[in-house]
C-alpha atoms as a PDB file:
ATOM      1  CA  MET A   1      12.776   8.021   1.219  1.00  0.00           C
ATOM      2  CA  SER A   2      12.160   9.200   4.172  1.00  0.00           C
ATOM      3  CA  ASN A   3      12.425   7.701   7.834  1.00  0.00           C
ATOM      4  CA  ASN A   4       9.406   8.067   8.320  1.00  0.00           C
ATOM      5  CA  PRO A   5       6.734   4.792   7.324  1.00  0.00           C
ATOM      6  CA  VAL A   6       3.649   6.149   7.149  1.00  0.00           C
ATOM      7  CA  TYR A   7       2.181   6.989   3.937  1.00  0.00           C
ATOM      8  CA  LEU A   8      -1.333   9.063   4.166  1.00  0.00           C
ATOM      9  CA  ALA A   9      -3.855   7.225   1.903  1.00  0.00           C
ATOM     10  CA  LEU A  10      -5.162  10.219   0.221  1.00  0.00           C
ATOM     11  CA  ASP A  11      -8.495   8.976  -1.102  1.00  0.00           C
ATOM     12  CA  VAL A  12     -10.459  11.889  -1.829  1.00  0.00           C
ATOM     13  CA  PRO A  13     -12.044  12.841  -5.156  1.00  0.00           C
ATOM     14  CA  ARG A  14     -11.130  16.605  -5.134  1.00  0.00           C
ATOM     15  CA  LEU A  15      -7.138  17.948  -6.221  1.00  0.00           C
ATOM     16  CA  ASP A  16      -7.202  20.988  -4.308  1.00  0.00           C
ATOM     17  CA  ALA A  17      -8.626  19.237  -0.899  1.00  0.00           C
ATOM     18  CA  ALA A  18      -6.070  16.458  -1.770  1.00  0.00           C
ATOM     19  CA  GLU A  19      -2.787  18.647  -1.883  1.00  0.00           C
ATOM     20  CA  ALA A  20      -4.005  20.978   1.022  1.00  0.00           C
ATOM     21  CA  LEU A  21      -4.278  17.720   3.219  1.00  0.00           C
ATOM     22  CA  ALA A  22      -0.741  16.965   1.945  1.00  0.00           C
ATOM     23  CA  ARG A  23       0.780  19.975   2.536  1.00  0.00           C
ATOM     24  CA  LYS A  24      -0.697  19.947   6.258  1.00  0.00           C
ATOM     25  CA  VAL A  25       0.753  16.835   7.436  1.00  0.00           C
ATOM     26  CA  LYS A  26       3.895  17.094   5.115  1.00  0.00           C
ATOM     27  CA  ASP A  27       6.453  16.948   8.113  1.00  0.00           C
ATOM     28  CA  HIS A  28       4.888  14.078   9.945  1.00  0.00           C
ATOM     29  CA  VAL A  29       4.041  11.425   6.919  1.00  0.00           C
ATOM     30  CA  GLY A  30       6.937   9.565   5.178  1.00  0.00           C
ATOM     31  CA  GLY A  31       5.052   9.886   1.937  1.00  0.00           C
ATOM     32  CA  ILE A  32       1.696   9.841  -0.048  1.00  0.00           C
ATOM     33  CA  LYS A  33      -0.593   7.109  -1.077  1.00  0.00           C
ATOM     34  CA  LEU A  34      -2.651   7.363  -4.531  1.00  0.00           C
ATOM     35  CA  GLY A  35      -5.244   4.775  -5.069  1.00  0.00           C
ATOM     36  CA  LEU A  36      -7.591   4.013  -7.644  1.00  0.00           C
ATOM     37  CA  GLU A  37     -10.019   6.768  -6.943  1.00  0.00           C
ATOM     38  CA  PHE A  38      -7.731   9.474  -7.007  1.00  0.00           C
ATOM     39  CA  PHE A  39      -6.258   7.833 -10.335  1.00  0.00           C
ATOM     40  CA  CYS A  40      -9.118   7.740 -11.899  1.00  0.00           C
ATOM     41  CA  ALA A  41     -10.005  11.098 -11.012  1.00  0.00           C
ATOM     42  CA  HIS A  42      -7.141  12.884 -11.874  1.00  0.00           C
ATOM     43  CA  GLY A  43      -4.465  10.810 -13.929  1.00  0.00           C
ATOM     44  CA  HIS A  44      -0.918  12.019 -14.481  1.00  0.00           C
ATOM     45  CA  HIS A  45      -1.820  15.377 -13.672  1.00  0.00           C
ATOM     46  CA  GLY A  46      -3.026  14.611 -10.244  1.00  0.00           C
ATOM     47  CA  VAL A  47       0.124  12.735  -9.237  1.00  0.00           C
ATOM     48  CA  ARG A  48       2.169  15.423 -10.780  1.00  0.00           C
ATOM     49  CA  GLU A  49       0.519  17.948  -8.576  1.00  0.00           C
ATOM     50  CA  ILE A  50       1.028  16.284  -5.321  1.00  0.00           C
ATOM     51  CA  GLN A  51       4.681  15.281  -6.046  1.00  0.00           C
ATOM     52  CA  LYS A  52       5.083  19.235  -5.726  1.00  0.00           C
ATOM     53  CA  VAL A  53       4.650  18.723  -1.863  1.00  0.00           C
ATOM     54  CA  GLY A  54       7.974  17.260  -2.026  1.00  0.00           C
ATOM     55  CA  LEU A  55       7.090  13.537  -0.725  1.00  0.00           C
ATOM     56  CA  PRO A  56       7.490   9.753  -1.911  1.00  0.00           C
ATOM     57  CA  ILE A  57       4.251   8.659  -3.979  1.00  0.00           C
ATOM     58  CA  PHE A  58       3.046   5.691  -3.640  1.00  0.00           C
ATOM     59  CA  LEU A  59       1.066   4.427  -6.452  1.00  0.00           C
ATOM     60  CA  ASP A  60      -1.503   1.999  -5.174  1.00  0.00           C
ATOM     61  CA  LEU A  61      -3.176   0.674  -8.229  1.00  0.00           C
ATOM     62  CA  LYS A  62      -3.219  -3.205  -7.718  1.00  0.00           C
ATOM     63  CA  LEU A  63      -2.507  -4.056 -11.614  1.00  0.00           C
ATOM     64  CA  HIS A  64      -3.988  -6.826 -12.547  1.00  0.00           C
ATOM     65  CA  ASP A  65      -4.552  -8.181 -16.152  1.00  0.00           C
ATOM     66  CA  ILE A  66      -2.385 -10.848 -18.742  1.00  0.00           C
ATOM     67  CA  PRO A  67       1.115  -9.992 -18.133  1.00  0.00           C
ATOM     68  CA  ASN A  68       1.535  -7.697 -21.158  1.00  0.00           C
ATOM     69  CA  THR A  69      -1.041  -5.574 -20.264  1.00  0.00           C
ATOM     70  CA  VAL A  70       0.147  -5.043 -17.033  1.00  0.00           C
ATOM     71  CA  ALA A  71       3.811  -4.601 -18.197  1.00  0.00           C
ATOM     72  CA  ALA A  72       2.249  -2.074 -20.614  1.00  0.00           C
ATOM     73  CA  ALA A  73       0.777  -0.075 -17.662  1.00  0.00           C
ATOM     74  CA  MET A  74       3.431  -0.012 -16.101  1.00  0.00           C
ATOM     75  CA  GLN A  75       5.767   1.431 -18.578  1.00  0.00           C
ATOM     76  CA  ALA A  76       3.069   4.191 -18.744  1.00  0.00           C
ATOM     77  CA  ILE A  77       3.466   4.916 -15.136  1.00  0.00           C
ATOM     78  CA  ASN A  78       7.404   5.237 -15.513  1.00  0.00           C
ATOM     79  CA  THR A  79       7.452   9.045 -16.070  1.00  0.00           C
ATOM     80  CA  LEU A  80       6.054   9.396 -12.812  1.00  0.00           C
ATOM     81  CA  ASN A  81       8.913   7.902 -11.023  1.00  0.00           C
ATOM     82  CA  PRO A  82       6.562   6.394  -8.073  1.00  0.00           C
ATOM     83  CA  ALA A  83       8.276   5.058  -5.108  1.00  0.00           C
ATOM     84  CA  VAL A  84       5.829   2.007  -4.745  1.00  0.00           C
ATOM     85  CA  VAL A  85       3.440   0.484  -7.167  1.00  0.00           C
ATOM     86  CA  THR A  86       1.013  -2.341  -6.378  1.00  0.00           C
ATOM     87  CA  ILE A  87       0.126  -5.194  -8.216  1.00  0.00           C
ATOM     88  CA  HIS A  88      -2.013  -8.187  -7.614  1.00  0.00           C
ATOM     89  CA  ALA A  89       0.025 -11.702  -6.628  1.00  0.00           C
ATOM     90  CA  ALA A  90      -3.266 -13.275  -7.996  1.00  0.00           C
ATOM     91  CA  GLY A  91      -2.205 -12.224 -11.374  1.00  0.00           C
ATOM     92  CA  GLY A  92       0.428 -14.913 -11.145  1.00  0.00           C
ATOM     93  CA  ARG A  93       4.408 -15.626 -11.423  1.00  0.00           C
ATOM     94  CA  ALA A  94       4.471 -14.278 -14.860  1.00  0.00           C
ATOM     95  CA  MET A  95       2.414 -11.280 -14.731  1.00  0.00           C
ATOM     96  CA  MET A  96       4.696 -10.125 -11.687  1.00  0.00           C
ATOM     97  CA  GLU A  97       7.780 -10.930 -13.773  1.00  0.00           C
ATOM     98  CA  ASP A  98       6.749  -8.733 -16.360  1.00  0.00           C
ATOM     99  CA  ALA A  99       5.229  -6.059 -14.193  1.00  0.00           C
ATOM    100  CA  LYS A 100       8.954  -6.020 -12.276  1.00  0.00           C
ATOM    101  CA  ALA A 101      10.856  -5.888 -15.350  1.00  0.00           C
ATOM    102  CA  ALA A 102       8.884  -3.171 -16.796  1.00  0.00           C
ATOM    103  CA  ALA A 103       9.259  -1.014 -13.721  1.00  0.00           C
ATOM    104  CA  GLY A 104      11.306   1.874 -12.980  1.00  0.00           C
ATOM    105  CA  GLU A 105      14.896   1.320 -11.116  1.00  0.00           C
ATOM    106  CA  ASN A 106      13.525   3.017  -8.470  1.00  0.00           C
ATOM    107  CA  THR A 107       9.924   1.716  -8.078  1.00  0.00           C
ATOM    108  CA  LYS A 108       9.729  -0.988  -5.706  1.00  0.00           C
ATOM    109  CA  VAL A 109       6.897  -3.257  -6.923  1.00  0.00           C
ATOM    110  CA  VAL A 110       4.943  -4.770  -4.603  1.00  0.00           C
ATOM    111  CA  ALA A 111       2.216  -8.155  -4.833  1.00  0.00           C
ATOM    112  CA  VAL A 112      -1.246  -7.538  -2.719  1.00  0.00           C
ATOM    113  CA  THR A 113      -1.626 -10.899  -0.733  1.00  0.00           C
ATOM    114  CA  VAL A 114      -5.124 -10.918   0.622  1.00  0.00           C
ATOM    115  CA  LEU A 115      -7.196  -7.468   0.784  1.00  0.00           C
ATOM    116  CA  THR A 116      -7.474  -6.604   4.707  1.00  0.00           C
ATOM    117  CA  SER A 117     -11.421  -6.184   3.818  1.00  0.00           C
ATOM    118  CA  LEU A 118     -11.269  -9.933   3.581  1.00  0.00           C
ATOM    119  CA  ASP A 119     -11.886 -12.445   6.309  1.00  0.00           C
ATOM    120  CA  ASN A 120     -12.180 -16.485   6.217  1.00  0.00           C
ATOM    121  CA  ASP A 121     -15.846 -16.200   4.751  1.00  0.00           C
ATOM    122  CA  ASP A 122     -15.136 -13.761   1.922  1.00  0.00           C
ATOM    123  CA  LEU A 123     -12.017 -16.098   0.650  1.00  0.00           C
ATOM    124  CA  SER A 124     -14.240 -19.466   1.105  1.00  0.00           C
ATOM    125  CA  ALA A 125     -17.156 -17.385  -0.981  1.00  0.00           C
ATOM    126  CA  ILE A 126     -14.626 -17.205  -3.979  1.00  0.00           C
ATOM    127  CA  GLY A 127     -13.535 -20.755  -3.645  1.00  0.00           C
ATOM    128  CA  ILE A 128     -10.304 -20.097  -1.974  1.00  0.00           C
ATOM    129  CA  THR A 129     -10.295 -22.572   0.662  1.00  0.00           C
ATOM    130  CA  ALA A 130      -7.026 -21.485   2.588  1.00  0.00           C
ATOM    131  CA  ASP A 131      -7.415 -18.708   5.649  1.00  0.00           C
ATOM    132  CA  PRO A 132      -5.633 -14.922   5.229  1.00  0.00           C
ATOM    133  CA  MET A 133      -2.757 -16.202   6.986  1.00  0.00           C
ATOM    134  CA  GLU A 134      -2.205 -19.244   4.450  1.00  0.00           C
ATOM    135  CA  GLN A 135      -2.967 -17.929   1.277  1.00  0.00           C
ATOM    136  CA  ALA A 136      -1.058 -14.593   2.528  1.00  0.00           C
ATOM    137  CA  LEU A 137       1.941 -16.691   2.660  1.00  0.00           C
ATOM    138  CA  ARG A 138       1.822 -18.580  -0.254  1.00  0.00           C
ATOM    139  CA  LEU A 139       1.487 -15.756  -2.441  1.00  0.00           C
ATOM    140  CA  ALA A 140       4.453 -13.912  -0.437  1.00  0.00           C
ATOM    141  CA  GLU A 141       6.632 -17.009  -1.668  1.00  0.00           C
ATOM    142  CA  LEU A 142       5.066 -16.525  -4.994  1.00  0.00           C
ATOM    143  CA  SER A 143       5.935 -12.842  -5.207  1.00  0.00           C
ATOM    144  CA  GLN A 144       9.591 -13.448  -3.786  1.00  0.00           C
ATOM    145  CA  ALA A 145      10.387 -16.148  -6.377  1.00  0.00           C
ATOM    146  CA  ALA A 146       8.933 -13.688  -9.162  1.00  0.00           C
ATOM    147  CA  GLY A 147      11.589 -11.555  -7.996  1.00  0.00           C
ATOM    148  CA  LEU A 148       9.217  -8.374  -6.605  1.00  0.00           C
ATOM    149  CA  ASP A 149      10.343  -6.073  -3.952  1.00  0.00           C
ATOM    150  CA  GLY A 150       7.896  -7.768  -1.675  1.00  0.00           C
ATOM    151  CA  ILE A 151       3.978  -7.371  -0.850  1.00  0.00           C
ATOM    152  CA  VAL A 152       0.791  -6.138   0.878  1.00  0.00           C
ATOM    153  CA  CYS A 153      -0.597  -7.527   3.949  1.00  0.00           C
ATOM    154  CA  SER A 154      -2.308  -6.844   6.868  1.00  0.00           C
ATOM    155  CA  GLY A 155      -0.532  -6.487  10.530  1.00  0.00           C
ATOM    156  CA  HIS A 156      -1.742  -9.748  11.375  1.00  0.00           C
ATOM    157  CA  GLU A 157       0.470 -11.796   8.760  1.00  0.00           C
ATOM    158  CA  VAL A 158       3.432  -9.398   8.311  1.00  0.00           C
ATOM    159  CA  GLY A 159       5.505 -11.172  11.448  1.00  0.00           C
ATOM    160  CA  ALA A 160       5.249 -14.441   9.760  1.00  0.00           C
ATOM    161  CA  ILE A 161       5.770 -13.179   6.040  1.00  0.00           C
ATOM    162  CA  HIS A 162       9.063 -11.581   7.693  1.00  0.00           C
ATOM    163  CA  LYS A 163      10.031 -14.869   9.095  1.00  0.00           C
ATOM    164  CA  GLN A 164      10.041 -16.529   5.844  1.00  0.00           C
ATOM    165  CA  TRP A 165      11.290 -13.352   3.905  1.00  0.00           C
ATOM    166  CA  LYS A 166      13.649 -11.685   5.750  1.00  0.00           C
ATOM    167  CA  ASP A 167      14.830  -8.501   3.210  1.00  0.00           C
ATOM    168  CA  GLY A 168      11.103  -7.942   1.901  1.00  0.00           C
ATOM    169  CA  TYR A 169       9.674  -4.787   1.643  1.00  0.00           C
ATOM    170  CA  PHE A 170       6.457  -5.106   3.515  1.00  0.00           C
ATOM    171  CA  VAL A 171       3.597  -2.688   3.049  1.00  0.00           C
ATOM    172  CA  VAL A 172       0.527  -2.736   5.875  1.00  0.00           C
ATOM    173  CA  PRO A 173      -2.750  -0.946   5.507  1.00  0.00           C
ATOM    174  CA  GLY A 174      -5.726  -1.211   7.409  1.00  0.00           C
ATOM    175  CA  LEU A 175      -4.140   0.423  10.390  1.00  0.00           C
ATOM    176  CA  ARG A 176      -6.058   1.858  13.069  1.00  0.00           C
ATOM    177  CA  LEU A 177      -5.860   3.487  16.680  1.00  0.00           C
ATOM    178  CA  PRO A 178      -7.039   2.071  19.163  1.00  0.00           C
ATOM    179  CA  ASP A 179     -10.052   4.373  19.895  1.00  0.00           C
ATOM    180  CA  SER A 180     -10.442   4.313  15.627  1.00  0.00           C
ATOM    181  CA  LYS A 181     -13.810   3.068  13.797  1.00  0.00           C
ATOM    182  CA  LEU A 182     -12.971   0.110  12.077  1.00  0.00           C
ATOM    183  CA  ALA A 183     -14.862   1.117   8.598  1.00  0.00           C
ATOM    184  CA  ASP A 184     -14.993  -1.731   5.734  1.00  0.00           C
ATOM    185  CA  GLN A 185     -11.391  -2.928   7.312  1.00  0.00           C
ATOM    186  CA  LYS A 186     -11.792  -6.470   9.008  1.00  0.00           C
ATOM    187  CA  ARG A 187      -8.258  -7.475   9.856  1.00  0.00           C
ATOM    188  CA  ILE A 188      -6.155  -4.740  11.737  1.00  0.00           C
ATOM    189  CA  VAL A 189      -3.941  -3.565  13.984  1.00  0.00           C
ATOM    190  CA  SER A 190      -2.200  -0.510  15.120  1.00  0.00           C
ATOM    191  CA  PRO A 191       0.338   1.351  13.362  1.00  0.00           C
ATOM    192  CA  ARG A 192       3.146   0.425  16.318  1.00  0.00           C
ATOM    193  CA  GLU A 193       2.115  -3.637  16.522  1.00  0.00           C
ATOM    194  CA  ALA A 194       2.568  -3.453  12.317  1.00  0.00           C
ATOM    195  CA  ARG A 195       6.080  -1.499  12.776  1.00  0.00           C
ATOM    196  CA  ASP A 196       7.419  -4.117  15.440  1.00  0.00           C
ATOM    197  CA  ASN A 197       6.468  -7.080  13.366  1.00  0.00           C
ATOM    198  CA  GLY A 198       8.210  -6.212  10.337  1.00  0.00           C
ATOM    199  CA  ALA A 199       6.350  -3.749   8.677  1.00  0.00           C
ATOM    200  CA  SER A 200       8.509  -1.138   6.266  1.00  0.00           C
ATOM    201  CA  LEU A 201       5.578   1.021   5.122  1.00  0.00           C
ATOM    202  CA  LEU A 202       2.434   1.828   7.007  1.00  0.00           C
ATOM    203  CA  VAL A 203      -0.966   3.000   4.661  1.00  0.00           C
ATOM    204  CA  VAL A 204      -2.674   5.266   7.150  1.00  0.00           C
ATOM    205  CA  GLY A 205      -5.865   6.919   5.472  1.00  0.00           C
ATOM    206  CA  ARG A 206      -9.106   7.536   7.557  1.00  0.00           C
ATOM    207  CA  PRO A 207      -7.221   8.053  11.137  1.00  0.00           C
ATOM    208  CA  ILE A 208      -5.499  10.689   9.924  1.00  0.00           C
ATOM    209  CA  ARG A 209      -7.927  12.028   6.647  1.00  0.00           C
ATOM    210  CA  GLY A 210     -10.899  11.721   8.697  1.00  0.00           C
ATOM    211  CA  ALA A 211      -9.946  13.641  11.943  1.00  0.00           C
ATOM    212  CA  GLU A 212     -10.668  16.922  13.314  1.00  0.00           C
ATOM    213  CA  ASP A 213      -7.435  17.789  13.361  1.00  0.00           C
ATOM    214  CA  PRO A 214      -5.373  15.732  10.784  1.00  0.00           C
ATOM    215  CA  LEU A 215      -2.103  17.751  11.879  1.00  0.00           C
ATOM    216  CA  ALA A 216      -2.556  16.418  15.596  1.00  0.00           C
ATOM    217  CA  ALA A 217      -3.638  13.273  14.016  1.00  0.00           C
ATOM    218  CA  ALA A 218      -0.430  12.595  11.589  1.00  0.00           C
ATOM    219  CA  LYS A 219       1.664  13.911  15.102  1.00  0.00           C
ATOM    220  CA  ALA A 220       0.203  11.524  17.530  1.00  0.00           C
ATOM    221  CA  ILE A 221       0.443   8.253  15.045  1.00  0.00           C
ATOM    222  CA  GLU A 222       4.394   9.534  14.246  1.00  0.00           C
ATOM    223  CA  GLU A 223       4.746   9.782  18.287  1.00  0.00           C
ATOM    224  CA  THR A 224       3.435   5.831  18.714  1.00  0.00           C
ATOM    225  CA  LEU A 225       6.152   4.739  16.441  1.00  0.00           C
END
């Protein structure tokens, strides 16, 4: 993998536009994150097209189902040899163990703890009494026990989780530069803050994708690191 920890979130519906953007910024990001929107629209073919750009691929599919189904889904994407794949820690230890066992040897399997779009009120509404930090720490501990490579958490939690899990691989999304709009993210920090707190991989989407000059935006973020 590249030394640049920034992965561009290519959450765009058109394959040609996604590939063009990836090529434009490829020298200033470390990899490409392809999420549900992209994968549902373009599947394996789309992933292979983006792979031609020459960067590692992070499949952010957030798999969450019974253990057998998640393992089968993981086996189905092994031919794509992704660098990183996400599952949901809330699926439980057995699901996480089976997902890791089914993954390719070069694929890091990381579990989503608490989505960065959720805050205390959102967690309470779905019956979780812990605050985001407590919940993220609990699910990180479960993910580590299940043998995963790491977790996904917000920049607010990564420092505490890093202290608890020294050699974990930590993916931090919801990153914004100081002058960026928050959109639907609620718990955000800057890429530099997240990196300083122990993040291994930084997911950046709209600050690059939505910029008037995506290349300049990617360079500006790279320079802060």
